[in-house]
């Protein structure tokens, strides 16, 4: 498992450099993005956690 994570991390480093360089050289004008409050962010994380836990429990009971 640890070897897989190390390989994944090492393979993602060049991709990060390539995309960073591509965005740095682009002539795109930054646009405004909607802000999200701490409450909304926490609610979104809680909703995702609930979905994951629900799927996990369903798979556990099915096994």
PDB file of N, CA and C in Angstrom:
ATOM      1  N   UNK A   1       0.834  -1.202   0.000  1.00  0.00           N
ATOM      2  CA  UNK A   1       0.000   0.000   0.000  1.00  0.00           C
ATOM      3  C   UNK A   1       0.867   1.251   0.000  1.00  0.00           C
ATOM      4  N   UNK A   2       1.918   1.222   0.822  1.00  0.00           N
ATOM      5  CA  UNK A   2       2.785   2.393   0.916  1.00  0.00           C
ATOM      6  C   UNK A   2       3.509   2.641  -0.405  1.00  0.00           C
ATOM      7  N   UNK A   3       3.899   1.558  -1.094  1.00  0.00           N
ATOM      8  CA  UNK A   3       4.575   1.719  -2.384  1.00  0.00           C
ATOM      9  C   UNK A   3       3.647   2.383  -3.401  1.00  0.00           C
ATOM     10  N   UNK A   4       2.383   1.995  -3.361  1.00  0.00           N
ATOM     11  CA  UNK A   4       1.408   2.575  -4.274  1.00  0.00           C
ATOM     12  C   UNK A   4       1.279   4.078  -4.042  1.00  0.00           C
ATOM     13  N   UNK A   5       1.196   4.477  -2.770  1.00  0.00           N
ATOM     14  CA  UNK A   5       1.063   5.903  -2.458  1.00  0.00           C
ATOM     15  C   UNK A   5       2.298   6.683  -2.874  1.00  0.00           C
ATOM     16  N   UNK A   6       3.468   6.108  -2.652  1.00  0.00           N
ATOM     17  CA  UNK A   6       4.704   6.794  -3.038  1.00  0.00           C
ATOM     18  C   UNK A   6       4.756   6.956  -4.550  1.00  0.00           C
ATOM     19  N   UNK A   7       4.393   5.911  -5.292  1.00  0.00           N
ATOM     20  CA  UNK A   7       4.381   6.008  -6.755  1.00  0.00           C
ATOM     21  C   UNK A   7       3.385   7.059  -7.229  1.00  0.00           C
ATOM     22  N   UNK A   8       2.233   7.068  -6.597  1.00  0.00           N
ATOM     23  CA  UNK A   8       1.200   8.032  -6.987  1.00  0.00           C
ATOM     24  C   UNK A   8       1.666   9.465  -6.746  1.00  0.00           C
ATOM     25  N   UNK A   9       2.295   9.684  -5.603  1.00  0.00           N
ATOM     26  CA  UNK A   9       2.793  11.024  -5.289  1.00  0.00           C
ATOM     27  C   UNK A   9       3.897  11.425  -6.260  1.00  0.00           C
ATOM     28  N   UNK A  10       4.815  10.510  -6.515  1.00  0.00           N
ATOM     29  CA  UNK A  10       5.926  10.822  -7.417  1.00  0.00           C
ATOM     30  C   UNK A  10       5.442  11.074  -8.841  1.00  0.00           C
ATOM     31  N   UNK A  11       4.397  10.385  -9.257  1.00  0.00           N
ATOM     32  CA  UNK A  11       3.864  10.614 -10.601  1.00  0.00           C
ATOM     33  C   UNK A  11       3.058  11.901 -10.693  1.00  0.00           C
ATOM     34  N   UNK A  12       2.529  12.373  -9.587  1.00  0.00           N
ATOM     35  CA  UNK A  12       1.719  13.591  -9.628  1.00  0.00           C
ATOM     36  C   UNK A  12       2.569  14.854  -9.610  1.00  0.00           C
ATOM     37  N   UNK A  13       3.806  14.753  -9.156  1.00  0.00           N
ATOM     38  CA  UNK A  13       4.665  15.944  -9.084  1.00  0.00           C
ATOM     39  C   UNK A  13       4.920  16.549 -10.468  1.00  0.00           C
ATOM     40  N   UNK A  14       5.342  15.762 -11.484  1.00  0.00           N
ATOM     41  CA  UNK A  14       5.537  16.371 -12.810  1.00  0.00           C
ATOM     42  C   UNK A  14       4.260  16.968 -13.388  1.00  0.00           C
ATOM     43  N   UNK A  15       3.125  16.316 -13.150  1.00  0.00           N
ATOM     44  CA  UNK A  15       1.856  16.846 -13.658  1.00  0.00           C
ATOM     45  C   UNK A  15       1.551  18.197 -13.031  1.00  0.00           C
ATOM     46  N   UNK A  16       1.891  18.353 -11.766  1.00  0.00           N
ATOM     47  CA  UNK A  16       1.672  19.631 -11.092  1.00  0.00           C
ATOM     48  C   UNK A  16       2.535  20.718 -11.720  1.00  0.00           C
ATOM     49  N   UNK A  17       3.787  20.401 -11.989  1.00  0.00           N
ATOM     50  CA  UNK A  17       4.681  21.381 -12.599  1.00  0.00           C
ATOM     51  C   UNK A  17       4.214  21.760 -14.001  1.00  0.00           C
ATOM     52  N   UNK A  18       3.760  20.790 -14.766  1.00  0.00           N
ATOM     53  CA  UNK A  18       3.310  21.066 -16.132  1.00  0.00           C
ATOM     54  C   UNK A  18       2.074  21.962 -16.119  1.00  0.00           C
ATOM     55  N   UNK A  19       1.099  21.643 -15.287  1.00  0.00           N
ATOM     56  CA  UNK A  19      -0.116  22.459 -15.270  1.00  0.00           C
ATOM     57  C   UNK A  19       0.161  23.847 -14.705  1.00  0.00           C
ATOM     58  N   UNK A  20       1.048  23.938 -13.722  1.00  0.00           N
ATOM     59  CA  UNK A  20       1.389  25.246 -13.168  1.00  0.00           C
ATOM     60  C   UNK A  20       2.053  26.108 -14.230  1.00  0.00           C
ATOM     61  N   UNK A  21       2.974  25.524 -14.983  1.00  0.00           N
ATOM     62  CA  UNK A  21       3.655  26.270 -16.040  1.00  0.00           C
ATOM     63  C   UNK A  21       2.676  26.689 -17.131  1.00  0.00           C
ATOM     64  N   UNK A  22       1.747  25.807 -17.468  1.00  0.00           N
ATOM     65  CA  UNK A  22       0.772  26.126 -18.511  1.00  0.00           C
ATOM     66  C   UNK A  22      -0.113  27.291 -18.084  1.00  0.00           C
ATOM     67  N   UNK A  23      -0.558  27.295 -16.839  1.00  0.00           N
ATOM     68  CA  UNK A  23      -1.393  28.389 -16.368  1.00  0.00           C
ATOM     69  C   UNK A  23      -0.596  29.677 -16.217  1.00  0.00           C
ATOM     70  N   UNK A  24       0.666  29.569 -15.867  1.00  0.00           N
ATOM     71  CA  UNK A  24       1.486  30.759 -15.686  1.00  0.00           C
ATOM     72  C   UNK A  24       1.718  31.464 -17.014  1.00  0.00           C
ATOM     73  N   UNK A  25       1.787  30.703 -18.099  1.00  0.00           N
ATOM     74  CA  UNK A  25       2.050  31.296 -19.406  1.00  0.00           C
ATOM     75  C   UNK A  25       0.782  31.686 -20.148  1.00  0.00           C
ATOM     76  N   UNK A  26      -0.364  31.303 -19.655  1.00  0.00           N
ATOM     77  CA  UNK A  26      -1.603  31.624 -20.346  1.00  0.00           C
ATOM     78  C   UNK A  26      -1.957  33.096 -20.133  1.00  0.00           C
ATOM     79  N   UNK A  27      -2.736  33.614 -21.027  1.00  0.00           N
ATOM     80  CA  UNK A  27      -3.152  35.012 -20.966  1.00  0.00           C
ATOM     81  C   UNK A  27      -4.574  35.142 -20.433  1.00  0.00           C
ATOM     82  N   UNK A  28      -4.993  34.165 -19.638  1.00  0.00           N
ATOM     83  CA  UNK A  28      -6.351  34.191 -19.109  1.00  0.00           C
ATOM     84  C   UNK A  28      -6.488  35.286 -18.059  1.00  0.00           C
ATOM     85  N   UNK A  29      -7.620  35.939 -18.101  1.00  0.00           N
ATOM     86  CA  UNK A  29      -7.906  36.987 -17.122  1.00  0.00           C
ATOM     87  C   UNK A  29      -8.589  36.323 -15.926  1.00  0.00           C
ATOM     88  N   UNK A  30      -8.080  36.543 -14.742  1.00  0.00           N
ATOM     89  CA  UNK A  30      -8.732  35.930 -13.576  1.00  0.00           C
ATOM     90  C   UNK A  30     -10.164  36.437 -13.426  1.00  0.00           C
ATOM     91  N   UNK A  31     -11.053  35.541 -13.098  1.00  0.00           N
ATOM     92  CA  UNK A  31     -12.450  35.917 -12.890  1.00  0.00           C
ATOM     93  C   UNK A  31     -12.807  35.741 -11.425  1.00  0.00           C
ATOM     94  N   UNK A  32     -13.833  36.400 -11.033  1.00  0.00           N
ATOM     95  CA  UNK A  32     -14.287  36.307  -9.652  1.00  0.00           C
ATOM     96  C   UNK A  32     -14.937  34.947  -9.424  1.00  0.00           C
ATOM     97  N   UNK A  33     -14.701  34.389  -8.269  1.00  0.00           N
ATOM     98  CA  UNK A  33     -15.326  33.126  -7.903  1.00  0.00           C
ATOM     99  C   UNK A  33     -16.230  33.373  -6.706  1.00  0.00           C
ATOM    100  N   UNK A  34     -17.312  32.636  -6.610  1.00  0.00           N
ATOM    101  CA  UNK A  34     -18.208  32.847  -5.473  1.00  0.00           C
ATOM    102  C   UNK A  34     -17.532  32.436  -4.163  1.00  0.00           C
ATOM    103  N   UNK A  35     -17.736  33.222  -3.140  1.00  0.00           N
ATOM    104  CA  UNK A  35     -17.168  32.888  -1.846  1.00  0.00           C
ATOM    105  C   UNK A  35     -18.062  31.891  -1.137  1.00  0.00           C
ATOM    106  N   UNK A  36     -17.466  31.107  -0.265  1.00  0.00           N
ATOM    107  CA  UNK A  36     -18.217  30.121   0.499  1.00  0.00           C
ATOM    108  C   UNK A  36     -17.909  30.364   1.973  1.00  0.00           C
ATOM    109  N   UNK A  37     -18.943  30.413   2.769  1.00  0.00           N
ATOM    110  CA  UNK A  37     -18.750  30.669   4.194  1.00  0.00           C
ATOM    111  C   UNK A  37     -18.287  29.390   4.892  1.00  0.00           C
ATOM    112  N   UNK A  38     -17.813  29.550   6.109  1.00  0.00           N
ATOM    113  CA  UNK A  38     -17.363  28.396   6.885  1.00  0.00           C
ATOM    114  C   UNK A  38     -18.528  27.446   7.149  1.00  0.00           C
ATOM    115  N   UNK A  39     -19.704  28.000   7.382  1.00  0.00           N
ATOM    116  CA  UNK A  39     -20.878  27.161   7.634  1.00  0.00           C
ATOM    117  C   UNK A  39     -21.236  26.333   6.405  1.00  0.00           C
ATOM    118  N   UNK A  40     -21.210  26.955   5.243  1.00  0.00           N
ATOM    119  CA  UNK A  40     -21.524  26.228   4.011  1.00  0.00           C
ATOM    120  C   UNK A  40     -20.476  25.164   3.714  1.00  0.00           C
ATOM    121  N   UNK A  41     -19.208  25.495   3.958  1.00  0.00           N
ATOM    122  CA  UNK A  41     -18.139  24.533   3.740  1.00  0.00           C
ATOM    123  C   UNK A  41     -18.265  23.342   4.668  1.00  0.00           C
ATOM    124  N   UNK A  42     -18.564  23.613   5.920  1.00  0.00           N
ATOM    125  CA  UNK A  42     -18.746  22.534   6.887  1.00  0.00           C
ATOM    126  C   UNK A  42     -19.942  21.671   6.512  1.00  0.00           C
ATOM    127  N   UNK A  43     -21.004  22.288   6.061  1.00  0.00           N
ATOM    128  CA  UNK A  43     -22.190  21.538   5.642  1.00  0.00           C
ATOM    129  C   UNK A  43     -21.880  20.651   4.434  1.00  0.00           C
ATOM    130  N   UNK A  44     -21.085  21.165   3.505  1.00  0.00           N
ATOM    131  CA  UNK A  44     -20.714  20.375   2.329  1.00  0.00           C
ATOM    132  C   UNK A  44     -19.866  19.174   2.725  1.00  0.00           C
ATOM    133  N   UNK A  45     -18.905  19.381   3.616  1.00  0.00           N
ATOM    134  CA  UNK A  45     -18.059  18.271   4.080  1.00  0.00           C
ATOM    135  C   UNK A  45     -18.906  17.255   4.842  1.00  0.00           C
ATOM    136  N   UNK A  46     -19.830  17.724   5.651  1.00  0.00           N
ATOM    137  CA  UNK A  46     -20.705  16.818   6.397  1.00  0.00           C
ATOM    138  C   UNK A  46     -21.586  16.004   5.447  1.00  0.00           C
ATOM    139  N   UNK A  47     -22.076  16.631   4.405  1.00  0.00           N
ATOM    140  CA  UNK A  47     -22.905  15.910   3.440  1.00  0.00           C
ATOM    141  C   UNK A  47     -22.097  14.834   2.720  1.00  0.00           C
ATOM    142  N   UNK A  48     -20.883  15.152   2.319  1.00  0.00           N
ATOM    143  CA  UNK A  48     -20.027  14.160   1.670  1.00  0.00           C
ATOM    144  C   UNK A  48     -19.694  13.023   2.623  1.00  0.00           C
ATOM    145  N   UNK A  49     -19.396  13.356   3.873  1.00  0.00           N
ATOM    146  CA  UNK A  49     -19.081  12.323   4.860  1.00  0.00           C
ATOM    147  C   UNK A  49     -20.289  11.413   5.078  1.00  0.00           C
ATOM    148  N   UNK A  50     -21.478  11.974   5.113  1.00  0.00           N
ATOM    149  CA  UNK A  50     -22.686  11.170   5.298  1.00  0.00           C
ATOM    150  C   UNK A  50     -22.890  10.211   4.129  1.00  0.00           C
ATOM    151  N   UNK A  51     -22.645  10.675   2.923  1.00  0.00           N
ATOM    152  CA  UNK A  51     -22.787   9.817   1.742  1.00  0.00           C
ATOM    153  C   UNK A  51     -21.774   8.683   1.785  1.00  0.00           C
ATOM    154  N   UNK A  52     -20.534   8.993   2.109  1.00  0.00           N
ATOM    155  CA  UNK A  52     -19.484   7.965   2.175  1.00  0.00           C
ATOM    156  C   UNK A  52     -19.803   6.950   3.265  1.00  0.00           C
ATOM    157  N   UNK A  53     -20.200   7.429   4.438  1.00  0.00           N
ATOM    158  CA  UNK A  53     -20.524   6.510   5.526  1.00  0.00           C
ATOM    159  C   UNK A  53     -21.739   5.646   5.204  1.00  0.00           C
ATOM    160  N   UNK A  54     -22.718   6.226   4.541  1.00  0.00           N
ATOM    161  CA  UNK A  54     -23.893   5.460   4.134  1.00  0.00           C
ATOM    162  C   UNK A  54     -23.513   4.350   3.165  1.00  0.00           C
ATOM    163  N   UNK A  55     -22.695   4.676   2.158  1.00  0.00           N
ATOM    164  CA  UNK A  55     -22.264   3.670   1.179  1.00  0.00           C
ATOM    165  C   UNK A  55     -21.405   2.597   1.848  1.00  0.00           C
ATOM    166  N   UNK A  56     -20.548   3.003   2.748  1.00  0.00           N
ATOM    167  CA  UNK A  56     -19.686   2.059   3.452  1.00  0.00           C
ATOM    168  C   UNK A  56     -20.523   1.086   4.290  1.00  0.00           C
ATOM    169  N   UNK A  57     -21.485   1.609   5.021  1.00  0.00           N
ATOM    170  CA  UNK A  57     -22.344   0.766   5.858  1.00  0.00           C
ATOM    171  C   UNK A  57     -23.187  -0.169   4.997  1.00  0.00           C
ATOM    172  N   UNK A  58     -23.684   0.302   3.886  1.00  0.00           N
ATOM    173  CA  UNK A  58     -24.476  -0.524   2.996  1.00  0.00           C
ATOM    174  C   UNK A  58     -23.647  -1.684   2.435  1.00  0.00           C
ATOM    175  N   UNK A  59     -22.407  -1.378   2.035  1.00  0.00           N
ATOM    176  CA  UNK A  59     -21.528  -2.424   1.532  1.00  0.00           C
ATOM    177  C   UNK A  59     -21.123  -3.389   2.638  1.00  0.00           C
ATOM    178  N   UNK A  60     -20.951  -2.886   3.849  1.00  0.00           N
ATOM    179  CA  UNK A  60     -20.578  -3.755   4.973  1.00  0.00           C
ATOM    180  C   UNK A  60     -21.698  -4.736   5.292  1.00  0.00           C
ATOM    181  N   UNK A  61     -22.921  -4.248   5.270  1.00  0.00           N
ATOM    182  CA  UNK A  61     -24.065  -5.130   5.566  1.00  0.00           C
ATOM    183  C   UNK A  61     -24.312  -6.129   4.442  1.00  0.00           C
ATOM    184  N   UNK A  62     -24.022  -5.755   3.218  1.00  0.00           N
ATOM    185  CA  UNK A  62     -24.218  -6.651   2.090  1.00  0.00           C
ATOM    186  C   UNK A  62     -23.198  -7.781   2.074  1.00  0.00           C
ATOM    187  N   UNK A  63     -22.049  -7.558   2.682  1.00  0.00           N
ATOM    188  CA  UNK A  63     -20.984  -8.576   2.659  1.00  0.00           C
ATOM    189  C   UNK A  63     -21.205  -9.676   3.663  1.00  0.00           C
TER     190      UNK A  63
END
